[in-house]
Amino acid sequence: MSGSDLDESDDGSTGGNGEGRRQQTFRRKKFVKLTDEDLGVDWYEVLQLSQNDGSTEEQIRTAYRRRCLETHPDKQKDHSDEAFKKVQRAFDILGDSETRLAYDSSRPFDDSIPNETLPANADFYATFGPVFERNKKWSSERDLPSIGDDNTSLKAVYRFYDRWAHFQSWRDFSHLVELDEIDDSMCREEKRYYARGNERQLNHLRKEEQQRLRTLVERARKNDPRLRRKREEDEARRQREKEERELKRRQLREEEERRRAEEAERERLQREEAQRKQLEIKNEIRQAQREPAGISGAAWPP
């Protein structure tokens, strides 16, 4: 069993559903070790629970009481207790929160996820949708959103990926490793010592599970046609904005060049006007200088 078997305090009611069972830790009535044979039996079928691992604790208790009456040796023609013992074993496993968690986690499950790149003609929703749906069973959080379809709003799409990016799994891996048994006769320090050893063994598998789910979310996000369209729209918008900025800068450059050209032309005209005026003044001065000289050189009449 996992280190969570340590908790000796009962925090109240079970909540009456699967999520409550998986999110809370309960005092164990007795230690139930799962054998290879246990892992190969469908104990939900033994109790005739059609809901399987979605059954509530109340449904399990009700089914157990009904099956006890049906399989009691006194009601069997040969007075066999084989079926009755099997029902007892089913309740030992499914009636205990921690043991049921370990059993549910050991049942066959498809861990595969789609490839990073999908074929050109692949249906994204048909490829990724069922994978997310089957992995919901491991979620500690209720009501995880589904992947939706091509008409799902972007707000809902972002919410979907945000919720799945923070996925918290209740999946138990104690059936995959050899763990030290912890029972109520141990002192607190001994329980903690063995719990730490168990946790070290389980942490590696938990990290692999978290990485698997992160990879699923990342691959879906990469291939999602809704997000791809949004990325393309954003890229087109950024390109338009870039082109508009370039056009604005070009217009400003051209305006500045035109202003400078006009300023240079005004300065040229002003220089030419100034030179023309200077030339006129020089010519007037020369003319004035010549006129007095012509008067002084003339003969006076007799």
C-alpha atoms as a PDB file:
ATOM      1  CA  MET A   1       0.000   0.000   0.000  1.00  0.00           C
ATOM      2  CA  SER A   2       1.052   3.619  -0.418  1.00  0.00           C
ATOM      3  CA  GLY A   3       2.378   5.981   2.242  1.00  0.00           C
ATOM      4  CA  SER A   4      -0.993   7.655   2.433  1.00  0.00           C
ATOM      5  CA  ASP A   5      -2.122   4.689   4.565  1.00  0.00           C
ATOM      6  CA  LEU A   6      -0.412   6.467   7.444  1.00  0.00           C
ATOM      7  CA  ASP A   7      -3.147   8.961   8.085  1.00  0.00           C
ATOM      8  CA  GLU A   8      -4.809   7.877  11.311  1.00  0.00           C
ATOM      9  CA  SER A   9      -7.416  10.624  11.497  1.00  0.00           C
ATOM     10  CA  ASP A  10     -10.813  10.508   9.788  1.00  0.00           C
ATOM     11  CA  ASP A  11     -11.707  13.940   8.396  1.00  0.00           C
ATOM     12  CA  GLY A  12     -15.449  13.348   8.183  1.00  0.00           C
ATOM     13  CA  SER A  13     -17.859  12.094   5.589  1.00  0.00           C
ATOM     14  CA  THR A  14     -16.837  10.486   2.340  1.00  0.00           C
ATOM     15  CA  GLY A  15     -18.770  12.829   0.116  1.00  0.00           C
ATOM     16  CA  GLY A  16     -20.705   9.934  -1.372  1.00  0.00           C
ATOM     17  CA  ASN A  17     -18.906   9.856  -4.728  1.00  0.00           C
ATOM     18  CA  GLY A  18     -15.738   8.632  -6.433  1.00  0.00           C
ATOM     19  CA  GLU A  19     -14.017  12.015  -6.369  1.00  0.00           C
ATOM     20  CA  GLY A  20     -14.589  12.355  -2.634  1.00  0.00           C
ATOM     21  CA  ARG A  21     -13.108   8.911  -2.126  1.00  0.00           C
ATOM     22  CA  ARG A  22     -10.016   9.842  -4.108  1.00  0.00           C
ATOM     23  CA  GLN A  23      -9.481  13.310  -2.671  1.00  0.00           C
ATOM     24  CA  GLN A  24      -9.683  12.293   1.000  1.00  0.00           C
ATOM     25  CA  THR A  25      -7.735   9.873   3.193  1.00  0.00           C
ATOM     26  CA  PHE A  26      -9.643   7.538   5.474  1.00  0.00           C
ATOM     27  CA  ARG A  27      -8.822   5.318   8.399  1.00  0.00           C
ATOM     28  CA  ARG A  28      -8.382   1.776   7.116  1.00  0.00           C
ATOM     29  CA  LYS A  29     -10.479  -0.901   8.837  1.00  0.00           C
ATOM     30  CA  LYS A  30      -7.889  -3.559   8.119  1.00  0.00           C
ATOM     31  CA  PHE A  31      -4.914  -4.211   5.909  1.00  0.00           C
ATOM     32  CA  VAL A  32      -5.858  -5.765   2.569  1.00  0.00           C
ATOM     33  CA  LYS A  33      -2.986  -6.811   0.356  1.00  0.00           C
ATOM     34  CA  LEU A  34      -3.708  -7.117  -3.360  1.00  0.00           C
ATOM     35  CA  THR A  35      -2.377 -10.291  -4.905  1.00  0.00           C
ATOM     36  CA  ASP A  36      -1.747 -10.976  -8.586  1.00  0.00           C
ATOM     37  CA  GLU A  37      -4.970 -12.986  -8.562  1.00  0.00           C
ATOM     38  CA  ASP A  38      -6.862 -10.009  -7.106  1.00  0.00           C
ATOM     39  CA  LEU A  39      -5.581  -7.767  -9.862  1.00  0.00           C
ATOM     40  CA  GLY A  40      -6.882 -10.165 -12.484  1.00  0.00           C
ATOM     41  CA  VAL A  41     -10.489 -10.216 -11.206  1.00  0.00           C
ATOM     42  CA  ASP A  42     -13.194  -7.699 -12.069  1.00  0.00           C
ATOM     43  CA  TRP A  43     -14.534  -7.124  -8.548  1.00  0.00           C
ATOM     44  CA  TYR A  44     -17.130  -4.663  -9.818  1.00  0.00           C
ATOM     45  CA  GLU A  45     -18.601  -7.484 -11.856  1.00  0.00           C
ATOM     46  CA  VAL A  46     -18.587  -9.737  -8.785  1.00  0.00           C
ATOM     47  CA  LEU A  47     -20.802  -7.171  -7.028  1.00  0.00           C
ATOM     48  CA  GLN A  48     -22.726  -6.634 -10.286  1.00  0.00           C
ATOM     49  CA  LEU A  49     -21.946  -2.914 -10.341  1.00  0.00           C
ATOM     50  CA  SER A  50     -22.609  -1.622 -13.847  1.00  0.00           C
ATOM     51  CA  GLN A  51     -21.015   1.740 -12.986  1.00  0.00           C
ATOM     52  CA  ASN A  52     -17.630   0.026 -12.517  1.00  0.00           C
ATOM     53  CA  ASP A  53     -15.008   2.401 -11.092  1.00  0.00           C
ATOM     54  CA  GLY A  54     -17.530   5.244 -11.192  1.00  0.00           C
ATOM     55  CA  SER A  55     -19.578   3.591  -8.422  1.00  0.00           C
ATOM     56  CA  THR A  56     -20.130   5.543  -5.224  1.00  0.00           C
ATOM     57  CA  GLU A  57     -19.396   4.097  -1.802  1.00  0.00           C
ATOM     58  CA  GLU A  58     -23.106   3.852  -1.063  1.00  0.00           C
ATOM     59  CA  GLN A  59     -23.686   1.927  -4.311  1.00  0.00           C
ATOM     60  CA  ILE A  60     -20.895  -0.487  -3.339  1.00  0.00           C
ATOM     61  CA  ARG A  61     -22.340  -1.056   0.134  1.00  0.00           C
ATOM     62  CA  THR A  62     -25.828  -1.619  -1.279  1.00  0.00           C
ATOM     63  CA  ALA A  63     -24.534  -4.037  -3.909  1.00  0.00           C
ATOM     64  CA  TYR A  64     -22.499  -5.875  -1.285  1.00  0.00           C
ATOM     65  CA  ARG A  65     -25.500  -6.412   0.985  1.00  0.00           C
ATOM     66  CA  ARG A  66     -27.608  -7.594  -1.950  1.00  0.00           C
ATOM     67  CA  ARG A  67     -24.943 -10.007  -3.172  1.00  0.00           C
ATOM     68  CA  CYS A  68     -24.412 -11.370   0.349  1.00  0.00           C
ATOM     69  CA  LEU A  69     -28.055 -12.369   0.463  1.00  0.00           C
ATOM     70  CA  GLU A  70     -27.902 -13.837  -3.040  1.00  0.00           C
ATOM     71  CA  THR A  71     -24.720 -15.877  -2.500  1.00  0.00           C
ATOM     72  CA  HIS A  72     -25.199 -16.955   1.130  1.00  0.00           C
ATOM     73  CA  PRO A  73     -24.427 -20.692   1.472  1.00  0.00           C
ATOM     74  CA  ASP A  74     -27.875 -21.341   2.938  1.00  0.00           C
ATOM     75  CA  LYS A  75     -29.386 -20.264  -0.388  1.00  0.00           C
ATOM     76  CA  GLN A  76     -27.142 -22.499  -2.497  1.00  0.00           C
ATOM     77  CA  LYS A  77     -28.278 -25.959  -3.472  1.00  0.00           C
ATOM     78  CA  ASP A  78     -24.895 -27.442  -2.548  1.00  0.00           C
ATOM     79  CA  HIS A  79     -24.416 -25.007   0.371  1.00  0.00           C
ATOM     80  CA  SER A  80     -21.179 -23.875  -1.261  1.00  0.00           C
ATOM     81  CA  ASP A  81     -19.592 -20.759   0.203  1.00  0.00           C
ATOM     82  CA  GLU A  82     -17.296 -20.091  -2.755  1.00  0.00           C
ATOM     83  CA  ALA A  83     -19.413 -17.306  -4.273  1.00  0.00           C
ATOM     84  CA  PHE A  84     -20.066 -15.857  -0.814  1.00  0.00           C
ATOM     85  CA  LYS A  85     -16.335 -15.667  -0.060  1.00  0.00           C
ATOM     86  CA  LYS A  86     -15.725 -14.000  -3.414  1.00  0.00           C
ATOM     87  CA  VAL A  87     -18.296 -11.336  -2.556  1.00  0.00           C
ATOM     88  CA  GLN A  88     -16.560 -10.810   0.795  1.00  0.00           C
ATOM     89  CA  ARG A  89     -13.251 -10.396  -0.989  1.00  0.00           C
ATOM     90  CA  ALA A  90     -14.825  -7.929  -3.423  1.00  0.00           C
ATOM     91  CA  PHE A  91     -15.996  -5.783  -0.518  1.00  0.00           C
ATOM     92  CA  ASP A  92     -12.604  -6.058   1.201  1.00  0.00           C
ATOM     93  CA  ILE A  93     -11.121  -4.446  -1.914  1.00  0.00           C
ATOM     94  CA  LEU A  94     -13.835  -2.059  -3.100  1.00  0.00           C
ATOM     95  CA  GLY A  95     -15.170  -1.153   0.329  1.00  0.00           C
ATOM     96  CA  ASP A  96     -11.825   0.256   1.470  1.00  0.00           C
ATOM     97  CA  SER A  97     -10.885   3.629  -0.003  1.00  0.00           C
ATOM     98  CA  GLU A  98      -7.144   3.091  -0.240  1.00  0.00           C
ATOM     99  CA  THR A  99      -7.350  -0.512  -1.431  1.00  0.00           C
ATOM    100  CA  ARG A 100      -9.962   0.400  -4.015  1.00  0.00           C
ATOM    101  CA  LEU A 101      -7.741   3.236  -5.257  1.00  0.00           C
ATOM    102  CA  ALA A 102      -4.855   0.794  -5.728  1.00  0.00           C
ATOM    103  CA  TYR A 103      -7.137  -1.725  -7.449  1.00  0.00           C
ATOM    104  CA  ASP A 104      -8.702   0.853  -9.780  1.00  0.00           C
ATOM    105  CA  SER A 105      -5.219   2.045 -10.711  1.00  0.00           C
ATOM    106  CA  SER A 106      -4.130  -1.499 -11.554  1.00  0.00           C
ATOM    107  CA  ARG A 107      -6.939  -2.174 -14.034  1.00  0.00           C
ATOM    108  CA  PRO A 108      -6.056  -2.216 -17.769  1.00  0.00           C
ATOM    109  CA  PHE A 109      -5.719   1.300 -19.131  1.00  0.00           C
ATOM    110  CA  ASP A 110      -4.493   2.741 -22.434  1.00  0.00           C
ATOM    111  CA  ASP A 111      -1.686   5.155 -21.526  1.00  0.00           C
ATOM    112  CA  SER A 112      -0.859   5.979 -25.137  1.00  0.00           C
ATOM    113  CA  ILE A 113      -1.070   9.527 -26.465  1.00  0.00           C
ATOM    114  CA  PRO A 114      -1.079  10.804 -30.076  1.00  0.00           C
ATOM    115  CA  ASN A 115       2.158  11.578 -31.879  1.00  0.00           C
ATOM    116  CA  GLU A 116       3.626  15.068 -31.779  1.00  0.00           C
ATOM    117  CA  THR A 117       2.819  15.658 -35.446  1.00  0.00           C
ATOM    118  CA  LEU A 118      -0.452  14.437 -36.938  1.00  0.00           C
ATOM    119  CA  PRO A 119      -0.916  13.345 -40.570  1.00  0.00           C
ATOM    120  CA  ALA A 120      -2.206  16.094 -42.845  1.00  0.00           C
ATOM    121  CA  ASN A 121      -5.665  14.550 -43.129  1.00  0.00           C
ATOM    122  CA  ALA A 122      -6.019  13.572 -39.444  1.00  0.00           C
ATOM    123  CA  ASP A 123      -9.123  14.619 -37.501  1.00  0.00           C
ATOM    124  CA  PHE A 124      -7.747  16.459 -34.489  1.00  0.00           C
ATOM    125  CA  TYR A 125     -10.902  16.111 -32.386  1.00  0.00           C
ATOM    126  CA  ALA A 126     -11.334  12.396 -33.133  1.00  0.00           C
ATOM    127  CA  THR A 127      -7.647  11.800 -32.369  1.00  0.00           C
ATOM    128  CA  PHE A 128      -7.213  13.757 -29.132  1.00  0.00           C
ATOM    129  CA  GLY A 129     -10.782  13.888 -27.785  1.00  0.00           C
ATOM    130  CA  PRO A 130     -11.036  10.221 -26.657  1.00  0.00           C
ATOM    131  CA  VAL A 131      -7.573  10.401 -25.053  1.00  0.00           C
ATOM    132  CA  PHE A 132      -8.547  13.321 -22.840  1.00  0.00           C
ATOM    133  CA  GLU A 133     -11.876  11.675 -22.007  1.00  0.00           C
ATOM    134  CA  ARG A 134     -10.325   8.419 -20.803  1.00  0.00           C
ATOM    135  CA  ASN A 135      -7.686  10.253 -18.750  1.00  0.00           C
ATOM    136  CA  LYS A 136     -10.372  12.160 -16.849  1.00  0.00           C
ATOM    137  CA  LYS A 137     -10.771   9.108 -14.630  1.00  0.00           C
ATOM    138  CA  TRP A 138      -7.432   9.936 -12.939  1.00  0.00           C
ATOM    139  CA  SER A 139      -8.335  13.528 -12.140  1.00  0.00           C
ATOM    140  CA  SER A 140      -8.655  14.620  -8.512  1.00  0.00           C
ATOM    141  CA  GLU A 141     -10.665  17.566  -9.804  1.00  0.00           C
ATOM    142  CA  ARG A 142     -14.273  17.127 -10.817  1.00  0.00           C
ATOM    143  CA  ASP A 143     -15.877  18.314 -14.063  1.00  0.00           C
ATOM    144  CA  LEU A 144     -12.767  18.665 -16.195  1.00  0.00           C
ATOM    145  CA  PRO A 145     -13.762  20.221 -19.542  1.00  0.00           C
ATOM    146  CA  SER A 146     -13.811  18.238 -22.779  1.00  0.00           C
ATOM    147  CA  ILE A 147     -11.859  19.225 -25.864  1.00  0.00           C
ATOM    148  CA  GLY A 148     -14.926  20.584 -27.677  1.00  0.00           C
ATOM    149  CA  ASP A 149     -15.146  21.030 -31.428  1.00  0.00           C
ATOM    150  CA  ASP A 150     -14.331  23.526 -34.162  1.00  0.00           C
ATOM    151  CA  ASN A 151     -17.126  25.833 -33.001  1.00  0.00           C
ATOM    152  CA  THR A 152     -15.946  26.044 -29.389  1.00  0.00           C
ATOM    153  CA  SER A 153     -15.118  29.600 -28.370  1.00  0.00           C
ATOM    154  CA  LEU A 154     -11.493  30.561 -27.867  1.00  0.00           C
ATOM    155  CA  LYS A 155     -12.268  31.460 -24.265  1.00  0.00           C
ATOM    156  CA  ALA A 156     -13.470  27.898 -23.642  1.00  0.00           C
ATOM    157  CA  VAL A 157     -10.442  26.499 -25.504  1.00  0.00           C
ATOM    158  CA  TYR A 158      -8.045  28.496 -23.317  1.00  0.00           C
ATOM    159  CA  ARG A 159      -9.939  27.349 -20.230  1.00  0.00           C
ATOM    160  CA  PHE A 160      -9.662  23.723 -21.380  1.00  0.00           C
ATOM    161  CA  TYR A 161      -5.874  23.885 -21.731  1.00  0.00           C
ATOM    162  CA  ASP A 162      -5.440  25.837 -18.507  1.00  0.00           C
ATOM    163  CA  ARG A 163      -7.392  23.255 -16.497  1.00  0.00           C
ATOM    164  CA  TRP A 164      -5.563  20.317 -18.062  1.00  0.00           C
ATOM    165  CA  ALA A 165      -2.174  21.993 -17.661  1.00  0.00           C
ATOM    166  CA  HIS A 166      -2.798  21.901 -13.891  1.00  0.00           C
ATOM    167  CA  PHE A 167      -4.071  18.308 -13.897  1.00  0.00           C
ATOM    168  CA  GLN A 168      -3.772  16.592 -10.507  1.00  0.00           C
ATOM    169  CA  SER A 169      -3.839  12.788 -10.650  1.00  0.00           C
ATOM    170  CA  TRP A 170      -5.027  10.449  -7.903  1.00  0.00           C
ATOM    171  CA  ARG A 171      -3.578   7.453  -9.751  1.00  0.00           C
ATOM    172  CA  ASP A 172      -1.871   4.969  -7.468  1.00  0.00           C
ATOM    173  CA  PHE A 173       1.226   3.010  -8.530  1.00  0.00           C
ATOM    174  CA  SER A 174       1.693   0.843  -5.469  1.00  0.00           C
ATOM    175  CA  HIS A 175       0.879  -2.302  -7.477  1.00  0.00           C
ATOM    176  CA  LEU A 176       3.904  -1.669  -9.695  1.00  0.00           C
ATOM    177  CA  VAL A 177       6.563  -1.581  -6.963  1.00  0.00           C
ATOM    178  CA  GLU A 178       7.406  -3.576  -3.869  1.00  0.00           C
ATOM    179  CA  LEU A 179       6.330  -1.424  -0.928  1.00  0.00           C
ATOM    180  CA  ASP A 180       6.835  -1.928   2.788  1.00  0.00           C
ATOM    181  CA  GLU A 181       3.612  -2.782   4.575  1.00  0.00           C
ATOM    182  CA  ILE A 182       2.497  -0.296   7.221  1.00  0.00           C
ATOM    183  CA  ASP A 183       0.002  -1.396   9.845  1.00  0.00           C
ATOM    184  CA  ASP A 184      -1.568   0.207  12.862  1.00  0.00           C
ATOM    185  CA  SER A 185       0.623  -1.700  15.342  1.00  0.00           C
ATOM    186  CA  MET A 186       3.689   0.338  14.302  1.00  0.00           C
ATOM    187  CA  CYS A 187       4.739   3.400  16.259  1.00  0.00           C
ATOM    188  CA  ARG A 188       4.510   6.794  14.586  1.00  0.00           C
ATOM    189  CA  GLU A 189       8.259   7.032  13.910  1.00  0.00           C
ATOM    190  CA  GLU A 190       8.330   3.577  12.324  1.00  0.00           C
ATOM    191  CA  LYS A 191       5.347   4.415  10.147  1.00  0.00           C
ATOM    192  CA  ARG A 192       7.015   7.615   8.968  1.00  0.00           C
ATOM    193  CA  TYR A 193      10.265   5.790   8.198  1.00  0.00           C
ATOM    194  CA  TYR A 194       8.564   3.206   6.003  1.00  0.00           C
ATOM    195  CA  ALA A 195       6.299   5.837   4.449  1.00  0.00           C
ATOM    196  CA  ARG A 196       9.300   7.875   3.313  1.00  0.00           C
ATOM    197  CA  GLY A 197      10.826   4.761   1.753  1.00  0.00           C
ATOM    198  CA  ASN A 198       7.582   3.988  -0.056  1.00  0.00           C
ATOM    199  CA  GLU A 199       7.233   7.567  -1.283  1.00  0.00           C
ATOM    200  CA  ARG A 200      10.715   7.513  -2.771  1.00  0.00           C
ATOM    201  CA  GLN A 201       9.772   4.479  -4.843  1.00  0.00           C
ATOM    202  CA  LEU A 202       6.465   5.958  -5.964  1.00  0.00           C
ATOM    203  CA  ASN A 203       7.682   9.459  -6.786  1.00  0.00           C
ATOM    204  CA  HIS A 204       9.489   8.331  -9.931  1.00  0.00           C
ATOM    205  CA  LEU A 205       6.309   6.774 -11.331  1.00  0.00           C
ATOM    206  CA  ARG A 206       4.267   9.829 -10.361  1.00  0.00           C
ATOM    207  CA  LYS A 207       6.683  12.103 -12.180  1.00  0.00           C
ATOM    208  CA  GLU A 208       6.462   9.917 -15.277  1.00  0.00           C
ATOM    209  CA  GLU A 209       2.668  10.140 -15.115  1.00  0.00           C
ATOM    210  CA  GLN A 210       2.762  13.931 -14.818  1.00  0.00           C
ATOM    211  CA  GLN A 211       5.160  14.108 -17.763  1.00  0.00           C
ATOM    212  CA  ARG A 212       2.858  11.893 -19.840  1.00  0.00           C
ATOM    213  CA  LEU A 213      -0.080  14.205 -19.173  1.00  0.00           C
ATOM    214  CA  ARG A 214       1.973  17.354 -19.810  1.00  0.00           C
ATOM    215  CA  THR A 215       3.108  15.882 -23.118  1.00  0.00           C
ATOM    216  CA  LEU A 216      -0.509  15.125 -24.036  1.00  0.00           C
ATOM    217  CA  VAL A 217      -1.514  18.737 -23.361  1.00  0.00           C
ATOM    218  CA  GLU A 218       1.492  20.150 -25.245  1.00  0.00           C
ATOM    219  CA  ARG A 219       0.878  17.981 -28.307  1.00  0.00           C
ATOM    220  CA  ALA A 220      -2.809  18.823 -28.360  1.00  0.00           C
ATOM    221  CA  ARG A 221      -2.053  22.530 -28.036  1.00  0.00           C
ATOM    222  CA  LYS A 222       0.421  22.323 -30.905  1.00  0.00           C
ATOM    223  CA  ASN A 223      -2.014  20.539 -33.247  1.00  0.00           C
ATOM    224  CA  ASP A 224      -5.249  22.266 -32.222  1.00  0.00           C
ATOM    225  CA  PRO A 225      -6.701  23.865 -35.408  1.00  0.00           C
ATOM    226  CA  ARG A 226      -8.448  26.548 -33.337  1.00  0.00           C
ATOM    227  CA  LEU A 227      -5.192  27.656 -31.765  1.00  0.00           C
ATOM    228  CA  ARG A 228      -3.402  27.298 -35.083  1.00  0.00           C
ATOM    229  CA  ARG A 229      -5.896  29.656 -36.682  1.00  0.00           C
ATOM    230  CA  LYS A 230      -5.463  32.047 -33.778  1.00  0.00           C
ATOM    231  CA  ARG A 231      -1.684  31.890 -34.167  1.00  0.00           C
ATOM    232  CA  GLU A 232      -2.009  32.494 -37.907  1.00  0.00           C
ATOM    233  CA  GLU A 233      -4.378  35.411 -37.281  1.00  0.00           C
ATOM    234  CA  ASP A 234      -2.017  36.846 -34.688  1.00  0.00           C
ATOM    235  CA  GLU A 235       0.927  36.408 -37.039  1.00  0.00           C
ATOM    236  CA  ALA A 236      -1.009  38.082 -39.874  1.00  0.00           C
ATOM    237  CA  ARG A 237      -1.978  40.917 -37.532  1.00  0.00           C
ATOM    238  CA  ARG A 238       1.633  41.317 -36.378  1.00  0.00           C
ATOM    239  CA  GLN A 239       2.737  41.309 -40.034  1.00  0.00           C
ATOM    240  CA  ARG A 240       0.145  43.963 -40.901  1.00  0.00           C
ATOM    241  CA  GLU A 241       1.192  46.048 -37.937  1.00  0.00           C
ATOM    242  CA  LYS A 242       4.836  45.642 -38.949  1.00  0.00           C
ATOM    243  CA  GLU A 243       4.046  46.686 -42.515  1.00  0.00           C
ATOM    244  CA  GLU A 244       2.014  49.632 -41.229  1.00  0.00           C
ATOM    245  CA  ARG A 245       4.912  50.692 -39.006  1.00  0.00           C
ATOM    246  CA  GLU A 246       7.314  50.349 -41.930  1.00  0.00           C
ATOM    247  CA  LEU A 247       4.971  52.380 -44.123  1.00  0.00           C
ATOM    248  CA  LYS A 248       4.660  55.023 -41.419  1.00  0.00           C
ATOM    249  CA  ARG A 249       8.435  55.177 -40.996  1.00  0.00           C
ATOM    250  CA  ARG A 250       8.879  55.376 -44.772  1.00  0.00           C
ATOM    251  CA  GLN A 251       6.316  58.166 -44.984  1.00  0.00           C
ATOM    252  CA  LEU A 252       8.047  60.009 -42.159  1.00  0.00           C
ATOM    253  CA  ARG A 253      11.405  59.572 -43.888  1.00  0.00           C
ATOM    254  CA  GLU A 254       9.985  60.793 -47.173  1.00  0.00           C
ATOM    255  CA  GLU A 255       8.313  63.719 -45.415  1.00  0.00           C
ATOM    256  CA  GLU A 256      11.569  64.573 -43.690  1.00  0.00           C
ATOM    257  CA  GLU A 257      13.493  64.298 -46.959  1.00  0.00           C
ATOM    258  CA  ARG A 258      10.911  66.503 -48.671  1.00  0.00           C
ATOM    259  CA  ARG A 259      11.085  69.043 -45.860  1.00  0.00           C
ATOM    260  CA  ARG A 260      14.867  69.079 -46.030  1.00  0.00           C
ATOM    261  CA  ALA A 261      14.769  69.425 -49.823  1.00  0.00           C
ATOM    262  CA  GLU A 262      12.325  72.332 -49.543  1.00  0.00           C
ATOM    263  CA  GLU A 263      14.456  73.933 -46.856  1.00  0.00           C
ATOM    264  CA  ALA A 264      17.563  73.488 -48.986  1.00  0.00           C
ATOM    265  CA  GLU A 265      15.746  75.010 -51.987  1.00  0.00           C
ATOM    266  CA  ARG A 266      14.640  78.025 -49.920  1.00  0.00           C
ATOM    267  CA  GLU A 267      18.166  78.506 -48.651  1.00  0.00           C
ATOM    268  CA  ARG A 268      19.494  78.264 -52.233  1.00  0.00           C
ATOM    269  CA  LEU A 269      17.004  80.846 -53.463  1.00  0.00           C
ATOM    270  CA  GLN A 270      17.807  83.104 -50.538  1.00  0.00           C
ATOM    271  CA  ARG A 271      21.522  82.824 -51.291  1.00  0.00           C
ATOM    272  CA  GLU A 272      20.938  83.570 -54.944  1.00  0.00           C
ATOM    273  CA  GLU A 273      18.736  86.556 -54.039  1.00  0.00           C
ATOM    274  CA  ALA A 274      21.363  87.805 -51.636  1.00  0.00           C
ATOM    275  CA  GLN A 275      24.072  87.419 -54.276  1.00  0.00           C
ATOM    276  CA  ARG A 276      21.904  89.202 -56.839  1.00  0.00           C
ATOM    277  CA  LYS A 277      21.323  92.107 -54.462  1.00  0.00           C
ATOM    278  CA  GLN A 278      25.031  92.309 -53.632  1.00  0.00           C
ATOM    279  CA  LEU A 279      25.815  92.348 -57.333  1.00  0.00           C
ATOM    280  CA  GLU A 280      23.309  95.173 -57.909  1.00  0.00           C
ATOM    281  CA  ILE A 281      24.832  97.192 -55.102  1.00  0.00           C
ATOM    282  CA  LYS A 282      28.322  96.688 -56.517  1.00  0.00           C
ATOM    283  CA  ASN A 283      27.123  97.747 -59.955  1.00  0.00           C
ATOM    284  CA  GLU A 284      25.463 100.850 -58.526  1.00  0.00           C
ATOM    285  CA  ILE A 285      28.642 101.730 -56.676  1.00  0.00           C
ATOM    286  CA  ARG A 286      30.745 101.321 -59.814  1.00  0.00           C
ATOM    287  CA  GLN A 287      28.272 103.431 -61.796  1.00  0.00           C
ATOM    288  CA  ALA A 288      28.322 106.113 -59.158  1.00  0.00           C
ATOM    289  CA  GLN A 289      32.102 106.125 -59.134  1.00  0.00           C
ATOM    290  CA  ARG A 290      32.258 106.572 -62.933  1.00  0.00           C
ATOM    291  CA  GLU A 291      29.783 109.454 -63.150  1.00  0.00           C
ATOM    292  CA  PRO A 292      31.780 112.028 -61.007  1.00  0.00           C
ATOM    293  CA  ALA A 293      34.936 111.274 -62.959  1.00  0.00           C
ATOM    294  CA  GLY A 294      33.206 112.127 -66.240  1.00  0.00           C
ATOM    295  CA  ILE A 295      32.021 115.516 -64.895  1.00  0.00           C
ATOM    296  CA  SER A 296      35.462 116.670 -63.611  1.00  0.00           C
ATOM    297  CA  GLY A 297      37.168 115.985 -66.945  1.00  0.00           C
ATOM    298  CA  ALA A 298      34.790 118.164 -69.040  1.00  0.00           C
ATOM    299  CA  ALA A 299      35.870 121.707 -70.429  1.00  0.00           C
ATOM    300  CA  TRP A 300      34.123 124.861 -69.187  1.00  0.00           C
ATOM    301  CA  PRO A 301      32.744 127.150 -71.867  1.00  0.00           C
ATOM    302  CA  PRO A 302      34.619 130.474 -72.586  1.00  0.00           C
END
